Amino acid sequence: MRTPLSVLDLAPVARGETVGESIAASVALAQRAEEAGYRRVWYAEHHNMPAIASSATSVLIAHVAAHTRTIRLGAGGVMLPNHSPLVIAEQFGTLASVHPGRIDLGLGRAPGSDQNTAWALRRDPAAAERFPQDVLELQGYLTGRSRVPGVQAVPGRGTDVPLYVLGSSMFGAGLAAALGLPYAFASHFAPQMLEPAVAAYRRDFRPSEQLDAPYVIAGVNALAADTAEAAQAGLAATRRRLAVGLFGQGRDLSDDEADLLLSSGAGRHVDSMLTHTAAGTPGQVREQLTAFARLADADELIVAHQAPTAEARLRSVTLVAEAMDAVAA
């Protein structure tokens, strides 16, 4: 069986690049993914990160949707504790009304930011504890069965935007199973609990109106190139970018400085994040992704293409699709 492929676009802002150029690259990436037969493209909510341009997730989705025709687009995810469930229902209800049948809503409970940024977002420190209740409240608005008397989401009511629970721990697996929702595991950067979380989700899943059987989307990194040497060079650049972003304290470091950072201990953390990474020629990537899909017991793979340039990411999107014989599903 073919495993459906999707794309997780981290909307990277490269050194010397503007946010506008990054967003234009995201449009081109979604268009290429649509042509190549990927199922969906998701964007993640991050804040106060100079190298990521997807903080206003619903706005980015609207822009990309206006420049594509058929591919599903969504959040992977919206960090729900940062928001009112009603506001998210209205935003994604608007998107679904303009682009019916194309909008997904993945939900996470992390802040997507540091402590100071969380304060700037006016985030209630206890909001994460209400995540299950907020998911149900949001679901009520989108199905037209509001749990808040006298309050409806307009737009949103009756759009039935499909919800997905995102996670990297047993908590998300348990919640997705209890609510009968699809489960997307963030194994592209937090791989440690992948196998036990997916097993628990499948074991405890309860059917719901949205979903009658468990459905797992597993995140994985990929960097496909025409030669193994080009892929390894791209992977080295990705390791540097991650090290600088995580441990560079906001500085713009040279490659030599980034390599020094990697050798001083950051490399272990970066390599742990990149545990599930398929890099190489199309044939090599196919073998690695096929093995990962079995390991993750995944129904669908969502691929973060980690090539360092927009052109190389487009090439990776094409090569992975060809190698995996992806088809629109």
Protein backbone atom coordinates (compact mmCIF):
# COMPACT_ATOMS: atom_id res chain seq x y z
CA MET A 1 0.00 0.00 0.00
CA ARG A 2 1.13 3.52 -0.70
CA THR A 3 1.49 5.71 2.34
CA PRO A 4 0.00 9.17 1.73
CA LEU A 5 2.51 11.99 1.96
CA SER A 6 1.96 15.49 3.27
CA VAL A 7 4.21 18.48 3.91
CA LEU A 8 4.99 20.33 7.11
CA ASP A 9 6.20 23.74 5.96
CA LEU A 10 8.15 25.49 8.70
CA ALA A 11 8.15 28.71 6.62
CA PRO A 12 11.86 29.29 7.24
CA VAL A 13 13.38 32.74 6.84
CA ALA A 14 16.91 32.19 5.60
CA ARG A 15 19.85 34.45 6.37
CA GLY A 16 19.51 37.61 4.27
CA GLU A 17 15.94 36.77 3.26
CA THR A 18 12.84 38.86 3.99
CA VAL A 19 9.63 37.51 5.47
CA GLY A 20 7.91 38.35 2.19
CA GLU A 21 10.37 36.19 0.30
CA SER A 22 9.85 33.36 2.80
CA ILE A 23 6.08 33.48 2.33
CA ALA A 24 6.48 33.52 -1.46
CA ALA A 25 8.61 30.39 -1.08
CA SER A 26 5.84 28.78 0.99
CA VAL A 27 3.36 29.46 -1.80
CA ALA A 28 5.71 27.89 -4.33
CA LEU A 29 6.23 24.90 -2.04
CA ALA A 30 2.48 24.30 -1.68
CA GLN A 31 2.02 24.59 -5.44
CA ARG A 32 4.77 22.05 -6.04
CA ALA A 33 3.31 19.72 -3.40
CA GLU A 34 -0.10 20.00 -5.07
CA GLU A 35 1.39 19.12 -8.46
CA ALA A 36 3.31 16.18 -6.97
CA GLY A 37 0.28 14.58 -5.31
CA TYR A 38 0.82 15.35 -1.63
CA ARG A 39 -2.33 15.23 0.49
CA ARG A 40 -1.94 18.37 2.61
CA VAL A 41 0.40 21.15 3.73
CA TRP A 42 0.42 22.24 7.36
CA TYR A 43 1.95 25.28 9.05
CA ALA A 44 2.95 25.52 12.71
CA GLU A 45 2.34 28.39 15.12
CA HIS A 46 5.63 29.76 16.47
CA HIS A 47 6.27 33.17 18.01
CA ASN A 48 9.31 35.40 18.47
CA MET A 49 11.46 33.24 16.22
CA PRO A 50 13.26 35.32 13.58
CA ALA A 51 13.84 32.28 11.36
CA ILE A 52 10.17 31.17 11.17
CA ALA A 53 7.40 33.12 9.39
CA SER A 54 4.28 31.11 10.31
CA SER A 55 3.20 32.85 13.53
CA ALA A 56 -0.09 34.13 12.03
CA THR A 57 -1.05 30.64 10.92
CA SER A 58 -4.59 31.27 9.68
CA VAL A 59 -3.47 34.30 7.66
CA LEU A 60 -0.71 32.27 5.99
CA ILE A 61 -3.17 29.46 5.21
CA ALA A 62 -5.57 31.94 3.60
CA HIS A 63 -2.81 33.35 1.40
CA VAL A 64 -1.56 29.95 0.26
CA ALA A 65 -5.11 28.68 -0.31
CA ALA A 66 -5.76 31.60 -2.65
CA HIS A 67 -2.77 30.51 -4.75
CA THR A 68 -3.54 26.77 -4.88
CA ARG A 69 -6.54 24.80 -6.12
CA THR A 70 -7.00 21.38 -4.52
CA ILE A 71 -4.46 20.55 -1.83
CA ARG A 72 -5.63 20.53 1.78
CA LEU A 73 -4.12 23.22 4.00
CA GLY A 74 -4.11 23.54 7.74
CA ALA A 75 -2.46 24.20 11.04
CA GLY A 76 0.07 21.79 12.37
CA GLY A 77 -0.76 23.28 14.65
CA VAL A 78 -2.55 26.08 16.36
CA MET A 79 -1.39 26.27 19.98
CA LEU A 80 -4.88 26.46 21.41
CA PRO A 81 -3.98 27.70 24.92
CA ASN A 82 -2.76 30.92 23.25
CA HIS A 83 -6.26 31.64 21.93
CA SER A 84 -9.95 31.73 22.61
CA PRO A 85 -11.61 28.65 21.09
CA LEU A 86 -14.32 30.93 19.68
CA VAL A 87 -11.80 33.07 17.80
CA ILE A 88 -10.09 30.00 16.30
CA ALA A 89 -13.50 28.60 15.29
CA GLU A 90 -14.30 31.88 13.55
CA GLN A 91 -10.92 32.02 11.79
CA PHE A 92 -10.99 28.45 10.53
CA GLY A 93 -14.71 28.64 9.85
CA THR A 94 -13.96 31.59 7.59
CA LEU A 95 -11.21 29.63 5.84
CA ALA A 96 -13.52 26.63 5.36
CA SER A 97 -16.29 28.84 4.02
CA VAL A 98 -13.97 30.36 1.41
CA HIS A 99 -12.16 27.08 0.61
CA PRO A 100 -14.66 24.29 1.38
CA GLY A 101 -13.26 20.80 1.82
CA ARG A 102 -9.66 21.98 1.98
CA ILE A 103 -9.05 23.14 5.56
CA ASP A 104 -7.62 21.16 8.50
CA LEU A 105 -7.16 22.25 12.10
CA GLY A 106 -4.39 20.61 14.10
CA LEU A 107 -4.27 21.55 17.78
CA GLY A 108 -1.41 21.60 20.25
CA ARG A 109 -1.13 22.70 23.86
CA ALA A 110 2.48 23.98 23.96
CA PRO A 111 3.07 27.76 24.03
CA GLY A 112 5.07 27.77 20.79
CA SER A 113 7.31 30.37 22.40
CA ASP A 114 9.49 31.24 25.36
CA GLN A 115 8.23 32.47 28.73
CA ASN A 116 8.49 36.19 27.95
CA THR A 117 6.72 35.72 24.64
CA ALA A 118 4.00 33.73 26.36
CA TRP A 119 3.46 36.73 28.63
CA ALA A 120 3.35 39.03 25.60
CA LEU A 121 0.65 36.78 24.13
CA ARG A 122 -1.29 37.34 27.37
CA ARG A 123 -1.25 33.57 27.82
CA ASP A 124 -2.77 32.30 31.05
CA PRO A 125 -0.13 30.03 32.66
CA ALA A 126 -2.89 27.56 33.54
CA ALA A 127 -4.38 27.51 30.03
CA ALA A 128 -2.65 24.26 29.06
CA GLU A 129 -4.54 22.47 31.82
CA ARG A 130 -7.82 23.39 30.10
CA PHE A 131 -6.72 22.05 26.73
CA PRO A 132 -9.14 19.08 26.64
CA GLN A 133 -12.09 21.31 27.54
CA ASP A 134 -10.99 23.92 25.00
CA VAL A 135 -10.82 21.28 22.26
CA LEU A 136 -14.38 20.23 23.05
CA GLU A 137 -15.56 23.85 23.13
CA LEU A 138 -13.93 24.49 19.75
CA GLN A 139 -15.44 21.32 18.32
CA GLY A 140 -18.87 22.43 19.51
CA TYR A 141 -18.58 25.74 17.69
CA LEU A 142 -17.51 24.06 14.41
CA THR A 143 -20.23 21.41 14.48
CA GLY A 144 -22.94 23.92 15.34
CA ARG A 145 -23.52 22.33 18.74
CA SER A 146 -22.05 25.01 20.94
CA ARG A 147 -21.27 24.15 24.54
CA VAL A 148 -21.62 27.82 25.53
CA PRO A 149 -25.29 28.84 25.80
CA GLY A 150 -26.26 31.55 23.38
CA VAL A 151 -22.85 31.69 21.63
CA GLN A 152 -22.22 30.50 18.07
CA ALA A 153 -19.22 30.82 15.77
CA VAL A 154 -20.17 32.84 12.70
CA PRO A 155 -18.48 31.96 10.40
CA GLY A 156 -17.71 28.49 11.68
CA ARG A 157 -20.99 26.96 12.78
CA GLY A 158 -21.68 23.79 10.82
CA THR A 159 -18.44 23.87 8.82
CA ASP A 160 -17.23 20.71 10.59
CA VAL A 161 -13.57 21.58 10.06
CA PRO A 162 -11.75 18.33 10.92
CA LEU A 163 -9.71 18.47 14.11
CA TYR A 164 -6.40 16.72 14.73
CA VAL A 165 -4.61 16.39 18.07
CA LEU A 166 -0.89 17.10 17.86
CA GLY A 167 1.52 15.80 20.42
CA SER A 168 4.84 14.30 21.39
CA SER A 169 3.82 12.56 24.60
CA MET A 170 1.33 10.14 26.09
CA PHE A 171 -1.01 13.02 26.98
CA GLY A 172 -1.85 13.84 23.36
CA ALA A 173 -2.21 10.16 22.50
CA GLY A 174 -4.70 9.65 25.32
CA LEU A 175 -6.72 12.72 24.45
CA ALA A 176 -6.91 11.90 20.74
CA ALA A 177 -7.99 8.36 21.57
CA ALA A 178 -10.64 9.47 24.07
CA LEU A 179 -12.13 12.05 21.68
CA GLY A 180 -11.92 9.84 18.61
CA LEU A 181 -9.72 12.27 16.68
CA PRO A 182 -6.74 11.72 14.37
CA TYR A 183 -3.37 11.89 16.11
CA ALA A 184 -0.32 13.63 14.64
CA PHE A 185 2.97 12.86 16.38
CA ALA A 186 5.80 15.42 16.25
CA SER A 187 8.51 12.86 15.63
CA HIS A 188 10.30 15.23 13.26
CA PHE A 189 11.73 17.02 16.32
CA ALA A 190 10.61 15.11 19.45
CA PRO A 191 10.99 11.41 18.63
CA GLN A 192 11.42 9.86 22.06
CA MET A 193 7.85 8.70 22.79
CA LEU A 194 6.75 7.90 19.23
CA GLU A 195 6.22 4.14 19.49
CA PRO A 196 4.54 3.92 22.92
CA ALA A 197 2.31 6.93 22.20
CA VAL A 198 1.07 5.54 18.88
CA ALA A 199 0.51 2.10 20.44
CA ALA A 200 -1.52 3.61 23.29
CA TYR A 201 -3.55 5.72 20.87
CA ARG A 202 -4.45 2.73 18.71
CA ARG A 203 -5.26 0.57 21.74
CA ASP A 204 -7.51 3.13 23.47
CA PHE A 205 -9.18 4.75 20.46
CA ARG A 206 -12.93 5.32 20.70
CA PRO A 207 -14.85 5.94 17.45
CA SER A 208 -16.48 9.34 17.03
CA GLU A 209 -18.63 11.20 14.52
CA GLN A 210 -15.46 12.49 12.84
CA LEU A 211 -13.50 9.23 12.78
CA ASP A 212 -14.48 5.56 13.03
CA ALA A 213 -10.95 4.09 13.29
CA PRO A 214 -7.60 5.39 14.57
CA TYR A 215 -5.54 7.47 12.16
CA VAL A 216 -1.88 8.33 12.78
CA ILE A 217 0.13 11.03 11.02
CA ALA A 218 3.84 10.84 11.84
CA GLY A 219 6.27 13.69 11.31
CA VAL A 220 9.58 12.96 9.63
CA ASN A 221 12.39 15.05 8.16
CA ALA A 222 13.51 14.54 4.59
CA LEU A 223 16.22 15.93 2.41
CA ALA A 224 16.27 14.34 -1.03
CA ALA A 225 18.75 15.50 -3.64
CA ASP A 226 20.08 14.29 -6.95
CA THR A 227 23.32 13.11 -5.31
CA ALA A 228 24.11 11.76 -1.87
CA GLU A 229 26.80 14.40 -1.50
CA ALA A 230 24.34 17.24 -2.08
CA ALA A 231 21.93 15.74 0.44
CA GLN A 232 24.63 15.43 3.10
CA ALA A 233 25.76 19.00 2.49
CA GLY A 234 22.17 20.13 2.95
CA LEU A 235 21.87 18.10 6.14
CA ALA A 236 25.03 19.72 7.50
CA ALA A 237 23.55 23.15 6.80
CA THR A 238 20.33 22.12 8.58
CA ARG A 239 22.29 21.01 11.66
CA ARG A 240 24.02 24.40 11.76
CA ARG A 241 20.73 26.27 11.40
CA LEU A 242 19.12 24.33 14.22
CA ALA A 243 22.12 24.77 16.50
CA VAL A 244 22.19 28.53 15.94
CA GLY A 245 18.43 28.84 16.35
CA LEU A 246 18.36 26.85 19.58
CA PHE A 247 21.64 27.80 21.22
CA GLY A 248 22.95 30.88 19.42
CA GLN A 249 21.22 33.33 21.79
CA GLY A 250 19.92 35.43 18.92
CA ARG A 251 23.33 35.88 17.28
CA ASP A 252 23.99 35.51 13.56
CA LEU A 253 26.84 33.01 13.62
CA SER A 254 29.15 32.02 10.79
CA ASP A 255 29.34 28.41 9.64
CA ASP A 256 32.59 27.94 11.55
CA GLU A 257 31.02 29.33 14.71
CA ALA A 258 27.97 27.09 14.22
CA ASP A 259 30.25 24.05 13.81
CA LEU A 260 32.00 24.99 17.05
CA LEU A 261 28.60 25.21 18.75
CA LEU A 262 27.70 21.77 17.44
CA SER A 263 30.96 20.27 18.67
CA SER A 264 30.50 21.76 22.14
CA GLY A 265 27.37 19.82 22.99
CA ALA A 266 24.61 21.32 20.89
CA GLY A 267 25.23 18.61 18.34
CA ARG A 268 23.86 15.89 20.59
CA HIS A 269 20.61 17.77 21.06
CA VAL A 270 20.27 18.59 17.35
CA ASP A 271 21.00 15.02 16.31
CA SER A 272 18.41 13.75 18.78
CA MET A 273 15.83 16.04 17.19
CA LEU A 274 16.80 14.75 13.75
CA THR A 275 16.59 11.06 14.74
CA HIS A 276 13.93 10.43 12.11
CA THR A 277 15.50 12.00 9.04
CA ALA A 278 15.63 10.56 5.54
CA ALA A 279 18.52 12.08 3.59
CA GLY A 280 20.15 11.05 0.35
CA THR A 281 19.23 10.16 -3.19
CA PRO A 282 15.60 9.33 -4.02
CA GLY A 283 16.27 5.62 -3.65
CA GLN A 284 17.93 6.07 -0.29
CA VAL A 285 15.13 8.32 0.94
CA ARG A 286 12.49 5.85 -0.19
CA GLU A 287 14.10 3.08 1.86
CA GLN A 288 14.40 5.30 4.93
CA LEU A 289 10.84 6.66 4.74
CA THR A 290 9.38 3.20 4.16
CA ALA A 291 11.21 1.89 7.22
CA PHE A 292 10.06 4.88 9.27
CA ALA A 293 6.42 4.40 8.27
CA ARG A 294 6.62 0.83 9.56
CA LEU A 295 8.34 1.87 12.78
CA ALA A 296 5.78 4.63 13.42
CA ASP A 297 2.81 2.44 12.46
CA ALA A 298 1.71 5.49 10.48
CA ASP A 299 -1.27 5.90 8.18
CA GLU A 300 0.28 9.04 6.70
CA LEU A 301 3.67 10.74 6.75
CA ILE A 302 3.98 14.51 7.09
CA VAL A 303 7.38 15.50 5.80
CA ALA A 304 9.44 18.50 6.87
CA HIS A 305 11.72 19.13 3.91
CA GLN A 306 14.88 20.41 5.58
CA ALA A 307 16.91 21.56 2.57
CA PRO A 308 18.61 24.92 3.27
CA THR A 309 17.34 26.84 0.22
CA ALA A 310 13.90 27.31 -1.31
CA GLU A 311 15.09 25.80 -4.60
CA ALA A 312 16.49 22.73 -2.86
CA ARG A 313 13.26 22.27 -0.88
CA LEU A 314 11.24 22.31 -4.08
CA ARG A 315 13.55 19.70 -5.55
CA SER A 316 13.26 17.57 -2.42
CA VAL A 317 9.44 17.76 -2.57
CA THR A 318 9.50 16.49 -6.14
CA LEU A 319 12.08 13.76 -5.60
CA VAL A 320 10.39 12.37 -2.47
CA ALA A 321 7.01 12.23 -4.22
CA GLU A 322 8.50 10.45 -7.20
CA ALA A 323 10.43 8.05 -5.01
CA MET A 324 7.42 7.17 -2.86
CA ASP A 325 5.02 7.10 -5.82
CA ALA A 326 2.70 9.45 -3.92
CA VAL A 327 -0.77 10.03 -5.26
CA ALA A 328 -3.47 12.44 -4.21
CA ALA A 329 -5.80 10.59 -1.87
